[in-house]
């Protein structure tokens, strides 16, 4: 067995590379967060209690896709959808209940 092998329980202790890429993308593209929050607020104002972050990300891709940058070649990576839902729920109390999230692969709920 290799000394670099990590047992499944230990994998949860390793930093998630998706989280690291998300943080980098988020800081490089603050307009994406602002656009998602604006769209979520518009959706809520239209009388909806629940919202799909995937739907909002697709709208932002369409509206702002040419204005974002990323080293991995994606405009807004699909892996970032759940991270944006969690970030908005944590930072925008009025929108916190709009998004349903599942366990991340490492088993954490946030």
N, C-alpha and C. Protein backbone atom coordinates (compact mmCIF):
# COMPACT_ATOMS: atom_id res chain seq x y z
N UNK A 1 0.85 -1.18 0.00
CA UNK A 1 0.00 0.00 0.00
C UNK A 1 0.90 1.24 0.00
N UNK A 2 0.54 2.19 -0.81
CA UNK A 2 1.31 3.42 -0.92
C UNK A 2 1.15 4.27 0.34
N UNK A 3 2.19 5.00 0.67
CA UNK A 3 2.11 5.88 1.84
C UNK A 3 1.23 7.09 1.58
N UNK A 4 0.87 7.35 0.31
CA UNK A 4 0.00 8.49 0.00
C UNK A 4 -1.47 8.09 -0.02
N UNK A 5 -1.77 6.82 0.22
CA UNK A 5 -3.15 6.35 0.23
C UNK A 5 -3.90 6.98 1.40
N UNK A 6 -5.09 7.47 1.14
CA UNK A 6 -5.94 8.03 2.19
C UNK A 6 -7.19 7.17 2.31
N UNK A 7 -7.44 6.65 3.47
CA UNK A 7 -8.65 5.86 3.71
C UNK A 7 -9.87 6.75 3.51
N UNK A 8 -11.02 6.18 3.14
CA UNK A 8 -12.21 6.99 2.88
C UNK A 8 -12.56 7.96 4.01
N UNK A 9 -12.41 7.55 5.25
CA UNK A 9 -12.73 8.46 6.36
C UNK A 9 -11.77 9.64 6.39
N UNK A 10 -10.54 9.43 5.97
CA UNK A 10 -9.55 10.49 6.00
C UNK A 10 -9.74 11.49 4.85
N UNK A 11 -10.40 11.07 3.78
CA UNK A 11 -10.59 11.97 2.65
C UNK A 11 -11.34 13.22 3.05
N UNK A 12 -12.25 13.11 4.00
CA UNK A 12 -13.02 14.28 4.45
C UNK A 12 -12.12 15.32 5.10
N UNK A 13 -10.95 14.92 5.54
CA UNK A 13 -10.03 15.85 6.19
C UNK A 13 -9.17 16.61 5.20
N UNK A 14 -9.10 16.13 3.95
CA UNK A 14 -8.29 16.78 2.93
C UNK A 14 -9.02 17.99 2.38
N UNK A 15 -8.28 19.04 2.01
CA UNK A 15 -8.95 20.21 1.40
C UNK A 15 -9.61 19.80 0.09
N UNK A 16 -10.79 20.33 -0.15
CA UNK A 16 -11.53 20.02 -1.37
C UNK A 16 -11.03 20.93 -2.48
N UNK A 17 -10.49 20.37 -3.56
CA UNK A 17 -9.98 21.22 -4.65
C UNK A 17 -11.08 22.03 -5.32
N UNK A 18 -12.32 21.53 -5.29
CA UNK A 18 -13.43 22.30 -5.86
C UNK A 18 -13.64 23.57 -5.05
N UNK A 19 -13.57 23.46 -3.71
CA UNK A 19 -13.73 24.64 -2.87
C UNK A 19 -12.64 25.67 -3.15
N UNK A 20 -11.42 25.21 -3.32
CA UNK A 20 -10.31 26.13 -3.60
C UNK A 20 -10.52 26.84 -4.94
N UNK A 21 -10.94 26.09 -5.95
CA UNK A 21 -11.21 26.71 -7.26
C UNK A 21 -12.39 27.66 -7.18
N UNK A 22 -13.41 27.29 -6.40
CA UNK A 22 -14.57 28.16 -6.24
C UNK A 22 -14.17 29.49 -5.61
N UNK A 23 -13.41 29.45 -4.54
CA UNK A 23 -12.98 30.67 -3.86
C UNK A 23 -12.20 31.56 -4.83
N UNK A 24 -11.32 30.97 -5.60
CA UNK A 24 -10.53 31.73 -6.57
C UNK A 24 -11.45 32.37 -7.62
N UNK A 25 -12.38 31.58 -8.15
CA UNK A 25 -13.32 32.10 -9.15
C UNK A 25 -14.18 33.21 -8.56
N UNK A 26 -14.70 32.97 -7.37
CA UNK A 26 -15.58 33.94 -6.71
C UNK A 26 -14.87 35.28 -6.52
N UNK A 27 -13.64 35.24 -6.07
CA UNK A 27 -12.89 36.49 -5.85
C UNK A 27 -12.53 37.18 -7.18
N UNK A 28 -12.32 36.40 -8.23
CA UNK A 28 -11.98 36.98 -9.53
C UNK A 28 -13.22 37.51 -10.26
N UNK A 29 -14.41 37.05 -9.85
CA UNK A 29 -15.64 37.40 -10.57
C UNK A 29 -16.76 37.79 -9.61
N UNK A 30 -16.60 38.87 -8.84
CA UNK A 30 -17.64 39.24 -7.86
C UNK A 30 -18.98 39.57 -8.50
N UNK A 31 -19.00 39.92 -9.77
CA UNK A 31 -20.26 40.24 -10.45
C UNK A 31 -21.17 39.02 -10.56
N UNK A 32 -20.59 37.82 -10.55
CA UNK A 32 -21.41 36.61 -10.63
C UNK A 32 -22.27 36.48 -9.38
N UNK A 33 -21.65 36.66 -8.20
CA UNK A 33 -22.40 36.59 -6.94
C UNK A 33 -23.50 37.65 -6.93
N UNK A 34 -23.14 38.88 -7.30
CA UNK A 34 -24.11 39.97 -7.30
C UNK A 34 -25.27 39.68 -8.24
N UNK A 35 -24.98 39.12 -9.40
CA UNK A 35 -26.04 38.79 -10.36
C UNK A 35 -26.95 37.69 -9.83
N UNK A 36 -26.36 36.67 -9.19
CA UNK A 36 -27.15 35.57 -8.63
C UNK A 36 -28.07 36.08 -7.52
N UNK A 37 -27.54 36.94 -6.66
CA UNK A 37 -28.36 37.50 -5.58
C UNK A 37 -29.48 38.35 -6.15
N UNK A 38 -29.19 39.15 -7.15
CA UNK A 38 -30.21 39.99 -7.77
C UNK A 38 -31.31 39.14 -8.39
N UNK A 39 -30.93 38.10 -9.10
CA UNK A 39 -31.93 37.21 -9.72
C UNK A 39 -32.76 36.49 -8.66
N UNK A 40 -32.12 36.04 -7.59
CA UNK A 40 -32.85 35.35 -6.51
C UNK A 40 -33.85 36.30 -5.86
N UNK A 41 -33.45 37.55 -5.66
CA UNK A 41 -34.36 38.53 -5.07
C UNK A 41 -35.54 38.81 -5.99
N UNK A 42 -35.27 38.89 -7.29
CA UNK A 42 -36.35 39.10 -8.26
C UNK A 42 -37.32 37.92 -8.24
N UNK A 43 -36.79 36.71 -8.16
CA UNK A 43 -37.61 35.50 -8.13
C UNK A 43 -38.49 35.49 -6.88
N UNK A 44 -37.88 35.85 -5.75
CA UNK A 44 -38.63 35.90 -4.49
C UNK A 44 -39.70 36.99 -4.54
N UNK A 45 -39.37 38.14 -5.09
CA UNK A 45 -40.33 39.24 -5.19
C UNK A 45 -41.51 38.88 -6.09
N UNK A 46 -41.29 37.95 -7.00
CA UNK A 46 -42.37 37.49 -7.89
C UNK A 46 -43.28 36.48 -7.20
N UNK A 47 -42.99 36.19 -5.91
CA UNK A 47 -43.86 35.33 -5.14
C UNK A 47 -43.42 33.89 -4.97
N UNK A 48 -42.20 33.58 -5.35
CA UNK A 48 -41.69 32.21 -5.24
C UNK A 48 -40.92 32.02 -3.93
N UNK A 49 -41.19 30.92 -3.24
CA UNK A 49 -40.51 30.62 -1.98
C UNK A 49 -39.25 29.79 -2.19
N UNK A 50 -39.19 29.04 -3.27
CA UNK A 50 -38.06 28.15 -3.55
C UNK A 50 -37.46 28.54 -4.88
N UNK A 51 -36.18 28.21 -5.04
CA UNK A 51 -35.48 28.59 -6.26
C UNK A 51 -34.40 27.56 -6.58
N UNK A 52 -34.17 27.35 -7.84
CA UNK A 52 -33.09 26.48 -8.29
C UNK A 52 -31.86 27.31 -8.59
N UNK A 53 -30.77 27.06 -7.87
CA UNK A 53 -29.53 27.77 -8.15
C UNK A 53 -29.03 27.43 -9.55
N UNK A 54 -29.29 26.21 -9.99
CA UNK A 54 -28.89 25.81 -11.33
C UNK A 54 -29.54 26.70 -12.38
N UNK A 55 -30.83 26.99 -12.19
CA UNK A 55 -31.54 27.88 -13.10
C UNK A 55 -30.89 29.27 -13.11
N UNK A 56 -30.59 29.78 -11.93
CA UNK A 56 -29.98 31.11 -11.84
C UNK A 56 -28.60 31.14 -12.49
N UNK A 57 -27.81 30.10 -12.27
CA UNK A 57 -26.48 30.04 -12.87
C UNK A 57 -26.59 30.03 -14.39
N UNK A 58 -27.55 29.28 -14.93
CA UNK A 58 -27.73 29.27 -16.38
C UNK A 58 -28.12 30.66 -16.90
N UNK A 59 -28.95 31.37 -16.17
CA UNK A 59 -29.29 32.74 -16.57
C UNK A 59 -28.07 33.65 -16.54
N UNK A 60 -27.26 33.52 -15.51
CA UNK A 60 -26.05 34.35 -15.42
C UNK A 60 -25.07 33.97 -16.53
N UNK A 61 -24.97 32.68 -16.81
CA UNK A 61 -24.09 32.27 -17.92
C UNK A 61 -24.52 32.96 -19.22
N UNK A 62 -25.80 33.00 -19.44
CA UNK A 62 -26.31 33.61 -20.65
C UNK A 62 -26.10 35.12 -20.64
N UNK A 63 -26.40 35.76 -19.50
CA UNK A 63 -26.32 37.22 -19.43
C UNK A 63 -24.90 37.74 -19.33
N UNK A 64 -24.06 37.03 -18.57
CA UNK A 64 -22.74 37.58 -18.24
C UNK A 64 -21.58 36.69 -18.67
N UNK A 65 -21.85 35.65 -19.42
CA UNK A 65 -20.84 34.66 -19.76
C UNK A 65 -19.58 35.21 -20.38
N UNK A 66 -19.67 36.26 -21.13
CA UNK A 66 -18.48 36.80 -21.77
C UNK A 66 -17.66 37.68 -20.84
N UNK A 67 -18.15 37.93 -19.64
CA UNK A 67 -17.45 38.83 -18.71
C UNK A 67 -16.71 38.11 -17.60
N UNK A 68 -16.74 36.78 -17.55
CA UNK A 68 -16.10 36.05 -16.47
C UNK A 68 -14.80 35.42 -16.96
N UNK A 69 -13.90 35.19 -16.02
CA UNK A 69 -12.63 34.57 -16.35
C UNK A 69 -12.38 33.38 -15.44
N UNK A 70 -11.68 32.39 -15.96
CA UNK A 70 -11.37 31.20 -15.19
C UNK A 70 -10.19 30.50 -15.83
N UNK A 71 -9.28 29.99 -15.02
CA UNK A 71 -8.10 29.29 -15.53
C UNK A 71 -8.45 27.94 -16.13
N UNK A 72 -9.53 27.30 -15.69
CA UNK A 72 -9.83 25.95 -16.15
C UNK A 72 -10.66 25.91 -17.43
N UNK A 73 -10.91 27.06 -18.04
CA UNK A 73 -11.61 27.10 -19.31
C UNK A 73 -13.12 27.19 -19.22
N UNK A 74 -13.70 27.05 -18.04
CA UNK A 74 -15.15 27.17 -17.88
C UNK A 74 -15.49 28.60 -17.53
N UNK A 75 -16.63 29.05 -17.97
CA UNK A 75 -17.09 30.38 -17.58
C UNK A 75 -17.61 30.34 -16.15
N UNK A 76 -18.55 29.45 -15.85
CA UNK A 76 -18.98 29.19 -14.48
C UNK A 76 -19.08 27.67 -14.38
N UNK A 77 -18.19 27.07 -13.66
CA UNK A 77 -18.12 25.62 -13.55
C UNK A 77 -19.37 25.08 -12.86
N UNK A 78 -19.91 23.97 -13.37
CA UNK A 78 -21.08 23.35 -12.75
C UNK A 78 -20.85 22.97 -11.30
N UNK A 79 -19.61 22.68 -10.94
CA UNK A 79 -19.30 22.33 -9.55
C UNK A 79 -19.50 23.49 -8.59
N UNK A 80 -19.59 24.70 -9.12
CA UNK A 80 -19.74 25.87 -8.26
C UNK A 80 -21.19 26.16 -7.90
N UNK A 81 -22.14 25.52 -8.56
CA UNK A 81 -23.56 25.80 -8.33
C UNK A 81 -23.93 25.62 -6.87
N UNK A 82 -23.58 24.48 -6.29
CA UNK A 82 -23.94 24.24 -4.88
C UNK A 82 -23.18 25.16 -3.94
N UNK A 83 -21.97 25.54 -4.33
CA UNK A 83 -21.19 26.47 -3.48
C UNK A 83 -21.85 27.84 -3.46
N UNK A 84 -22.35 28.29 -4.62
CA UNK A 84 -23.06 29.58 -4.65
C UNK A 84 -24.35 29.51 -3.83
N UNK A 85 -25.08 28.42 -3.90
CA UNK A 85 -26.30 28.28 -3.11
C UNK A 85 -25.98 28.39 -1.62
N UNK A 86 -24.93 27.74 -1.18
CA UNK A 86 -24.54 27.77 0.24
C UNK A 86 -24.03 29.16 0.63
N UNK A 87 -23.25 29.78 -0.24
CA UNK A 87 -22.70 31.11 0.06
C UNK A 87 -23.82 32.15 0.17
N UNK A 88 -24.75 32.12 -0.75
CA UNK A 88 -25.85 33.08 -0.72
C UNK A 88 -26.75 32.83 0.49
N UNK A 89 -27.04 31.57 0.78
CA UNK A 89 -27.86 31.25 1.95
C UNK A 89 -27.19 31.73 3.23
N UNK A 90 -25.87 31.64 3.29
CA UNK A 90 -25.14 32.06 4.49
C UNK A 90 -25.05 33.58 4.61
N UNK A 91 -24.96 34.28 3.49
CA UNK A 91 -24.72 35.73 3.51
C UNK A 91 -25.95 36.60 3.31
N UNK A 92 -27.03 36.01 2.83
CA UNK A 92 -28.24 36.78 2.52
C UNK A 92 -29.41 36.17 3.28
N UNK A 93 -29.64 36.59 4.52
CA UNK A 93 -30.67 35.96 5.36
C UNK A 93 -32.05 35.90 4.71
N UNK A 94 -32.42 36.89 3.95
CA UNK A 94 -33.75 36.90 3.32
C UNK A 94 -33.88 35.82 2.24
N UNK A 95 -32.75 35.29 1.77
CA UNK A 95 -32.76 34.28 0.72
C UNK A 95 -32.38 32.90 1.23
N UNK A 96 -32.07 32.80 2.50
CA UNK A 96 -31.49 31.57 3.06
C UNK A 96 -32.36 30.33 2.86
N UNK A 97 -33.66 30.48 2.90
CA UNK A 97 -34.55 29.32 2.81
C UNK A 97 -34.95 28.98 1.37
N UNK A 98 -34.48 29.73 0.40
CA UNK A 98 -34.89 29.50 -0.98
C UNK A 98 -34.23 28.29 -1.62
N UNK A 99 -33.06 27.91 -1.14
CA UNK A 99 -32.26 26.88 -1.80
C UNK A 99 -32.18 25.62 -0.97
N UNK A 100 -32.34 24.47 -1.62
CA UNK A 100 -32.18 23.18 -0.97
C UNK A 100 -30.80 22.65 -1.37
N UNK A 101 -30.05 22.21 -0.38
CA UNK A 101 -28.73 21.65 -0.68
C UNK A 101 -28.65 20.23 -0.15
N UNK A 102 -27.78 19.46 -0.74
CA UNK A 102 -27.52 18.08 -0.29
C UNK A 102 -26.13 18.03 0.32
N UNK A 103 -25.80 16.87 0.85
CA UNK A 103 -24.47 16.69 1.43
C UNK A 103 -23.42 16.85 0.33
N UNK A 104 -22.33 17.50 0.66
CA UNK A 104 -21.20 17.55 -0.26
C UNK A 104 -20.55 16.17 -0.29
N UNK A 105 -19.75 15.92 -1.27
CA UNK A 105 -19.12 14.60 -1.40
C UNK A 105 -18.31 14.20 -0.18
N UNK A 106 -17.76 15.19 0.52
CA UNK A 106 -16.96 14.86 1.70
C UNK A 106 -17.85 14.59 2.92
N UNK A 107 -19.16 14.64 2.72
CA UNK A 107 -20.10 14.28 3.78
C UNK A 107 -20.55 15.43 4.66
N UNK A 108 -20.06 16.64 4.39
CA UNK A 108 -20.43 17.77 5.24
C UNK A 108 -21.71 18.42 4.70
N UNK A 109 -22.52 18.90 5.63
CA UNK A 109 -23.66 19.73 5.26
C UNK A 109 -23.27 21.15 5.62
N UNK A 110 -23.58 22.10 4.75
CA UNK A 110 -23.36 23.50 5.10
C UNK A 110 -24.53 24.32 4.64
